[in-house]
PDB file of N, CA and C in Angstrom:
ATOM      1  N   MET A   1     -55.571-129.449  67.556  1.00  0.00           N
ATOM      2  CA  MET A   1     -55.091-128.101  67.717  1.00  0.00           C
ATOM      3  C   MET A   1     -55.812-127.460  68.900  1.00  0.00           C
ATOM      4  N   THR A   2     -55.175-126.494  69.473  1.00  0.00           N
ATOM      5  CA  THR A   2     -55.752-125.813  70.627  1.00  0.00           C
ATOM      6  C   THR A   2     -56.185-124.409  70.229  1.00  0.00           C
ATOM      7  N   PRO A   3     -57.489-124.238  70.042  1.00  0.00           N
ATOM      8  CA  PRO A   3     -57.969-122.912  69.649  1.00  0.00           C
ATOM      9  C   PRO A   3     -57.938-121.929  70.810  1.00  0.00           C
ATOM     10  N   ASN A   4     -57.805-120.669  70.483  1.00  0.00           N
ATOM     11  CA  ASN A   4     -57.866-119.606  71.473  1.00  0.00           C
ATOM     12  C   ASN A   4     -59.302-119.069  71.447  1.00  0.00           C
ATOM     13  N   GLY A   5     -60.136-119.618  72.320  1.00  0.00           N
ATOM     14  CA  GLY A   5     -61.542-119.267  72.344  1.00  0.00           C
ATOM     15  C   GLY A   5     -61.788-117.797  72.600  1.00  0.00           C
ATOM     16  N   THR A   6     -60.951-117.188  73.436  1.00  0.00           N
ATOM     17  CA  THR A   6     -61.095-115.767  73.731  1.00  0.00           C
ATOM     18  C   THR A   6     -60.891-114.942  72.467  1.00  0.00           C
ATOM     19  N   ALA A   7     -59.916-115.315  71.662  1.00  0.00           N
ATOM     20  CA  ALA A   7     -59.659-114.592  70.413  1.00  0.00           C
ATOM     21  C   ALA A   7     -60.808-114.793  69.428  1.00  0.00           C
ATOM     22  N   ILE A   8     -61.312-116.015  69.342  1.00  0.00           N
ATOM     23  CA  ILE A   8     -62.427-116.281  68.434  1.00  0.00           C
ATOM     24  C   ILE A   8     -63.619-115.417  68.828  1.00  0.00           C
ATOM     25  N   ARG A   9     -63.945-115.396  70.113  1.00  0.00           N
ATOM     26  CA  ARG A   9     -65.076-114.601  70.582  1.00  0.00           C
ATOM     27  C   ARG A   9     -64.852-113.112  70.301  1.00  0.00           C
ATOM     28  N   ALA A  10     -63.627-112.629  70.545  1.00  0.00           N
ATOM     29  CA  ALA A  10     -63.338-111.208  70.322  1.00  0.00           C
ATOM     30  C   ALA A  10     -63.516-110.836  68.849  1.00  0.00           C
ATOM     31  N   PHE A  11     -62.959-111.642  67.951  1.00  0.00           N
ATOM     32  CA  PHE A  11     -63.114-111.365  66.512  1.00  0.00           C
ATOM     33  C   PHE A  11     -64.586-111.418  66.123  1.00  0.00           C
ATOM     34  N   ARG A  12     -65.312-112.397  66.641  1.00  0.00           N
ATOM     35  CA  ARG A  12     -66.732-112.553  66.325  1.00  0.00           C
ATOM     36  C   ARG A  12     -67.534-111.336  66.800  1.00  0.00           C
ATOM     37  N   GLU A  13     -67.274-110.894  68.025  1.00  0.00           N
ATOM     38  CA  GLU A  13     -68.021-109.769  68.583  1.00  0.00           C
ATOM     39  C   GLU A  13     -67.699-108.451  67.875  1.00  0.00           C
ATOM     40  N   VAL A  14     -66.436-108.248  67.512  1.00  0.00           N
ATOM     41  CA  VAL A  14     -66.060-107.029  66.773  1.00  0.00           C
ATOM     42  C   VAL A  14     -66.821-106.961  65.451  1.00  0.00           C
ATOM     43  N   GLN A  15     -67.008-108.131  64.837  1.00  0.00           N
ATOM     44  CA  GLN A  15     -67.718-108.178  63.554  1.00  0.00           C
ATOM     45  C   GLN A  15     -69.237-108.277  63.730  1.00  0.00           C
ATOM     46  N   LYS A  16     -69.672-108.255  64.990  1.00  0.00           N
ATOM     47  CA  LYS A  16     -71.099-108.316  65.316  1.00  0.00           C
ATOM     48  C   LYS A  16     -71.769-109.559  64.739  1.00  0.00           C
ATOM     49  N   LEU A  17     -71.061-110.702  64.839  1.00  0.00           N
ATOM     50  CA  LEU A  17     -71.604-111.977  64.389  1.00  0.00           C
ATOM     51  C   LEU A  17     -72.127-112.759  65.590  1.00  0.00           C
ATOM     52  N   SER A  18     -73.267-113.373  65.440  1.00  0.00           N
ATOM     53  CA  SER A  18     -73.752-114.292  66.471  1.00  0.00           C
ATOM     54  C   SER A  18     -73.011-115.617  66.312  1.00  0.00           C
ATOM     55  N   ILE A  19     -73.073-116.427  67.333  1.00  0.00           N
ATOM     56  CA  ILE A  19     -72.470-117.764  67.229  1.00  0.00           C
ATOM     57  C   ILE A  19     -73.166-118.539  66.115  1.00  0.00           C
ATOM     58  N   ARG A  20     -74.463-118.388  66.021  1.00  0.00           N
ATOM     59  CA  ARG A  20     -75.221-119.090  64.978  1.00  0.00           C
ATOM     60  C   ARG A  20     -74.749-118.664  63.586  1.00  0.00           C
ATOM     61  N   ARG A  21     -74.559-117.355  63.377  1.00  0.00           N
ATOM     62  CA  ARG A  21     -74.119-116.864  62.064  1.00  0.00           C
ATOM     63  C   ARG A  21     -72.701-117.348  61.760  1.00  0.00           C
ATOM     64  N   LEU A  22     -71.814-117.331  62.756  1.00  0.00           N
ATOM     65  CA  LEU A  22     -70.469-117.852  62.539  1.00  0.00           C
ATOM     66  C   LEU A  22     -70.525-119.334  62.188  1.00  0.00           C
ATOM     67  N   GLY A  23     -71.437-120.055  62.814  1.00  0.00           N
ATOM     68  CA  GLY A  23     -71.623-121.470  62.484  1.00  0.00           C
ATOM     69  C   GLY A  23     -72.011-121.664  61.032  1.00  0.00           C
ATOM     70  N   VAL A  24     -72.930-120.838  60.553  1.00  0.00           N
ATOM     71  CA  VAL A  24     -73.357-120.929  59.157  1.00  0.00           C
ATOM     72  C   VAL A  24     -72.191-120.604  58.221  1.00  0.00           C
ATOM     73  N   LEU A  25     -71.495-119.519  58.518  1.00  0.00           N
ATOM     74  CA  LEU A  25     -70.385-119.094  57.656  1.00  0.00           C
ATOM     75  C   LEU A  25     -69.231-120.088  57.638  1.00  0.00           C
ATOM     76  N   SER A  26     -69.007-120.763  58.755  1.00  0.00           N
ATOM     77  CA  SER A  26     -67.876-121.691  58.855  1.00  0.00           C
ATOM     78  C   SER A  26     -68.290-123.149  58.672  1.00  0.00           C
ATOM     79  N   THR A  27     -69.563-123.392  58.441  1.00  0.00           N
ATOM     80  CA  THR A  27     -70.134-124.742  58.338  1.00  0.00           C
ATOM     81  C   THR A  27     -69.785-125.605  59.552  1.00  0.00           C
ATOM     82  N   ARG A  28     -69.797-124.996  60.707  1.00  0.00           N
ATOM     83  CA  ARG A  28     -69.556-125.678  61.975  1.00  0.00           C
ATOM     84  C   ARG A  28     -70.808-125.557  62.825  1.00  0.00           C
ATOM     85  N   ASP A  29     -71.011-126.495  63.725  1.00  0.00           N
ATOM     86  CA  ASP A  29     -72.153-126.465  64.622  1.00  0.00           C
ATOM     87  C   ASP A  29     -71.995-125.328  65.631  1.00  0.00           C
ATOM     88  N   PRO A  30     -72.991-124.465  65.769  1.00  0.00           N
ATOM     89  CA  PRO A  30     -72.880-123.347  66.710  1.00  0.00           C
ATOM     90  C   PRO A  30     -72.593-123.784  68.150  1.00  0.00           C
ATOM     91  N   SER A  31     -73.132-124.919  68.569  1.00  0.00           N
ATOM     92  CA  SER A  31     -72.855-125.375  69.937  1.00  0.00           C
ATOM     93  C   SER A  31     -71.388-125.750  70.101  1.00  0.00           C
ATOM     94  N   HIS A  32     -70.765-126.259  69.043  1.00  0.00           N
ATOM     95  CA  HIS A  32     -69.337-126.574  69.116  1.00  0.00           C
ATOM     96  C   HIS A  32     -68.517-125.289  69.182  1.00  0.00           C
ATOM     97  N   ILE A  33     -68.908-124.292  68.411  1.00  0.00           N
ATOM     98  CA  ILE A  33     -68.214-123.000  68.466  1.00  0.00           C
ATOM     99  C   ILE A  33     -68.323-122.416  69.871  1.00  0.00           C
ATOM    100  N   SER A  34     -69.487-122.520  70.470  1.00  0.00           N
ATOM    101  CA  SER A  34     -69.672-122.030  71.835  1.00  0.00           C
ATOM    102  C   SER A  34     -68.740-122.739  72.805  1.00  0.00           C
ATOM    103  N   ARG A  35     -68.627-124.062  72.666  1.00  0.00           N
ATOM    104  CA  ARG A  35     -67.723-124.826  73.549  1.00  0.00           C
ATOM    105  C   ARG A  35     -66.265-124.442  73.308  1.00  0.00           C
ATOM    106  N   ILE A  36     -65.907-124.189  72.061  1.00  0.00           N
ATOM    107  CA  ILE A  36     -64.536-123.751  71.750  1.00  0.00           C
ATOM    108  C   ILE A  36     -64.266-122.410  72.423  1.00  0.00           C
ATOM    109  N   GLU A  37     -65.192-121.466  72.279  1.00  0.00           N
ATOM    110  CA  GLU A  37     -65.004-120.139  72.874  1.00  0.00           C
ATOM    111  C   GLU A  37     -64.858-120.207  74.392  1.00  0.00           C
ATOM    112  N   ARG A  38     -65.555-121.142  75.021  1.00  0.00           N
ATOM    113  CA  ARG A  38     -65.496-121.272  76.478  1.00  0.00           C
ATOM    114  C   ARG A  38     -64.337-122.154  76.940  1.00  0.00           C
ATOM    115  N   GLY A  39     -63.555-122.678  76.004  1.00  0.00           N
ATOM    116  CA  GLY A  39     -62.416-123.514  76.365  1.00  0.00           C
ATOM    117  C   GLY A  39     -62.804-124.923  76.773  1.00  0.00           C
ATOM    118  N   LYS A  40     -63.996-125.350  76.400  1.00  0.00           N
ATOM    119  CA  LYS A  40     -64.502-126.673  76.773  1.00  0.00           C
ATOM    120  C   LYS A  40     -64.291-127.709  75.681  1.00  0.00           C
ATOM    121  N   ALA A  41     -63.828-127.277  74.513  1.00  0.00           N
ATOM    122  CA  ALA A  41     -63.620-128.199  73.394  1.00  0.00           C
ATOM    123  C   ALA A  41     -62.448-127.729  72.556  1.00  0.00           C
ATOM    124  N   GLY A  42     -61.819-128.678  71.917  1.00  0.00           N
ATOM    125  CA  GLY A  42     -60.749-128.373  70.975  1.00  0.00           C
ATOM    126  C   GLY A  42     -61.338-128.293  69.576  1.00  0.00           C
ATOM    127  N   ALA A  43     -60.480-128.186  68.601  1.00  0.00           N
ATOM    128  CA  ALA A  43     -60.940-128.115  67.216  1.00  0.00           C
ATOM    129  C   ALA A  43     -59.892-128.725  66.302  1.00  0.00           C
ATOM    130  N   SER A  44     -60.375-129.341  65.252  1.00  0.00           N
ATOM    131  CA  SER A  44     -59.463-129.898  64.251  1.00  0.00           C
ATOM    132  C   SER A  44     -58.838-128.764  63.449  1.00  0.00           C
ATOM    133  N   GLU A  45     -57.807-129.104  62.731  1.00  0.00           N
ATOM    134  CA  GLU A  45     -57.158-128.110  61.872  1.00  0.00           C
ATOM    135  C   GLU A  45     -58.157-127.571  60.851  1.00  0.00           C
ATOM    136  N   GLU A  46     -58.975-128.463  60.311  1.00  0.00           N
ATOM    137  CA  GLU A  46     -59.986-128.059  59.331  1.00  0.00           C
ATOM    138  C   GLU A  46     -61.006-127.108  59.952  1.00  0.00           C
ATOM    139  N   ALA A  47     -61.472-127.407  61.160  1.00  0.00           N
ATOM    140  CA  ALA A  47     -62.443-126.541  61.832  1.00  0.00           C
ATOM    141  C   ALA A  47     -61.851-125.160  62.078  1.00  0.00           C
ATOM    142  N   LEU A  48     -60.611-125.102  62.555  1.00  0.00           N
ATOM    143  CA  LEU A  48     -59.966-123.810  62.791  1.00  0.00           C
ATOM    144  C   LEU A  48     -59.783-123.035  61.490  1.00  0.00           C
ATOM    145  N   ARG A  49     -59.449-123.742  60.438  1.00  0.00           N
ATOM    146  CA  ARG A  49     -59.284-123.094  59.133  1.00  0.00           C
ATOM    147  C   ARG A  49     -60.603-122.485  58.674  1.00  0.00           C
ATOM    148  N   ARG A  50     -61.688-123.200  58.852  1.00  0.00           N
ATOM    149  CA  ARG A  50     -63.002-122.702  58.435  1.00  0.00           C
ATOM    150  C   ARG A  50     -63.465-121.523  59.300  1.00  0.00           C
ATOM    151  N   ILE A  51     -63.240-121.626  60.607  1.00  0.00           N
ATOM    152  CA  ILE A  51     -63.631-120.537  61.507  1.00  0.00           C
ATOM    153  C   ILE A  51     -62.817-119.285  61.190  1.00  0.00           C
ATOM    154  N   ALA A  52     -61.510-119.461  61.020  1.00  0.00           N
ATOM    155  CA  ALA A  52     -60.654-118.318  60.690  1.00  0.00           C
ATOM    156  C   ALA A  52     -61.084-117.699  59.363  1.00  0.00           C
ATOM    157  N   GLY A  53     -61.378-118.534  58.391  1.00  0.00           N
ATOM    158  CA  GLY A  53     -61.827-118.030  57.100  1.00  0.00           C
ATOM    159  C   GLY A  53     -63.118-117.237  57.214  1.00  0.00           C
ATOM    160  N   ALA A  54     -64.045-117.741  58.008  1.00  0.00           N
ATOM    161  CA  ALA A  54     -65.317-117.046  58.203  1.00  0.00           C
ATOM    162  C   ALA A  54     -65.119-115.708  58.908  1.00  0.00           C
ATOM    163  N   LEU A  55     -64.110-115.651  59.785  1.00  0.00           N
ATOM    164  CA  LEU A  55     -63.816-114.413  60.503  1.00  0.00           C
ATOM    165  C   LEU A  55     -62.904-113.475  59.706  1.00  0.00           C
ATOM    166  N   GLY A  56     -62.293-113.996  58.648  1.00  0.00           N
ATOM    167  CA  GLY A  56     -61.390-113.187  57.832  1.00  0.00           C
ATOM    168  C   GLY A  56     -60.055-112.916  58.504  1.00  0.00           C
ATOM    169  N   VAL A  57     -59.600-113.880  59.312  1.00  0.00           N
ATOM    170  CA  VAL A  57     -58.317-113.734  60.010  1.00  0.00           C
ATOM    171  C   VAL A  57     -57.453-114.955  59.721  1.00  0.00           C
ATOM    172  N   PRO A  58     -56.125-114.846  59.883  1.00  0.00           N
ATOM    173  CA  PRO A  58     -55.278-116.019  59.705  1.00  0.00           C
ATOM    174  C   PRO A  58     -55.499-117.018  60.842  1.00  0.00           C
ATOM    175  N   VAL A  59     -55.288-118.286  60.553  1.00  0.00           N
ATOM    176  CA  VAL A  59     -55.443-119.333  61.570  1.00  0.00           C
ATOM    177  C   VAL A  59     -54.572-119.034  62.782  1.00  0.00           C
ATOM    178  N   ALA A  60     -53.392-118.495  62.554  1.00  0.00           N
ATOM    179  CA  ALA A  60     -52.479-118.191  63.667  1.00  0.00           C
ATOM    180  C   ALA A  60     -53.111-117.232  64.676  1.00  0.00           C
ATOM    181  N   ALA A  61     -54.048-116.407  64.243  1.00  0.00           N
ATOM    182  CA  ALA A  61     -54.680-115.443  65.126  1.00  0.00           C
ATOM    183  C   ALA A  61     -55.638-116.103  66.131  1.00  0.00           C
ATOM    184  N   ILE A  62     -56.070-117.333  65.823  1.00  0.00           N
ATOM    185  CA  ILE A  62     -57.012-118.019  66.718  1.00  0.00           C
ATOM    186  C   ILE A  62     -56.488-119.366  67.225  1.00  0.00           C
ATOM    187  N   ASN A  63     -55.201-119.614  67.014  1.00  0.00           N
ATOM    188  CA  ASN A  63     -54.593-120.884  67.410  1.00  0.00           C
ATOM    189  C   ASN A  63     -53.529-120.652  68.466  1.00  0.00           C
ATOM    190  N   ARG A  64     -53.732-121.162  69.660  1.00  0.00           N
ATOM    191  CA  ARG A  64     -52.777-120.998  70.759  1.00  0.00           C
ATOM    192  C   ARG A  64     -51.405-121.559  70.424  1.00  0.00           C
ATOM    193  N   GLU A  65     -51.353-122.680  69.732  1.00  0.00           N
ATOM    194  CA  GLU A  65     -50.085-123.359  69.473  1.00  0.00           C
ATOM    195  C   GLU A  65     -49.135-122.548  68.601  1.00  0.00           C
ATOM    196  N   GLU A  66     -49.660-121.646  67.803  1.00  0.00           N
ATOM    197  CA  GLU A  66     -48.796-120.872  66.912  1.00  0.00           C
ATOM    198  C   GLU A  66     -48.486-119.488  67.448  1.00  0.00           C
ATOM    199  N   GLN A  67     -48.978-119.150  68.628  1.00  0.00           N
ATOM    200  CA  GLN A  67     -48.699-117.842  69.196  1.00  0.00           C
ATOM    201  C   GLN A  67     -47.439-117.926  70.042  1.00  0.00           C
ATOM    202  N   SER A  68     -46.627-116.872  70.003  1.00  0.00           N
ATOM    203  CA  SER A  68     -45.392-116.884  70.803  1.00  0.00           C
ATOM    204  C   SER A  68     -45.443-115.864  71.899  1.00  0.00           C
TER     205      SER A  68
END
């Protein structure tokens, strides 16, 4: 899946979460989240689901493939 790193960063910053805290909440490595936000890495469906859940947003809000 192709995550929208800009959207992930925006949701994270609005909620005043650090990358490290988002990593803990989503059980993902913070360095991977950083690479996703910068557009340097993709993410599995499971990773996007966990990140979206930690941010409290639908997966569609952070997934480029589902945006029209």
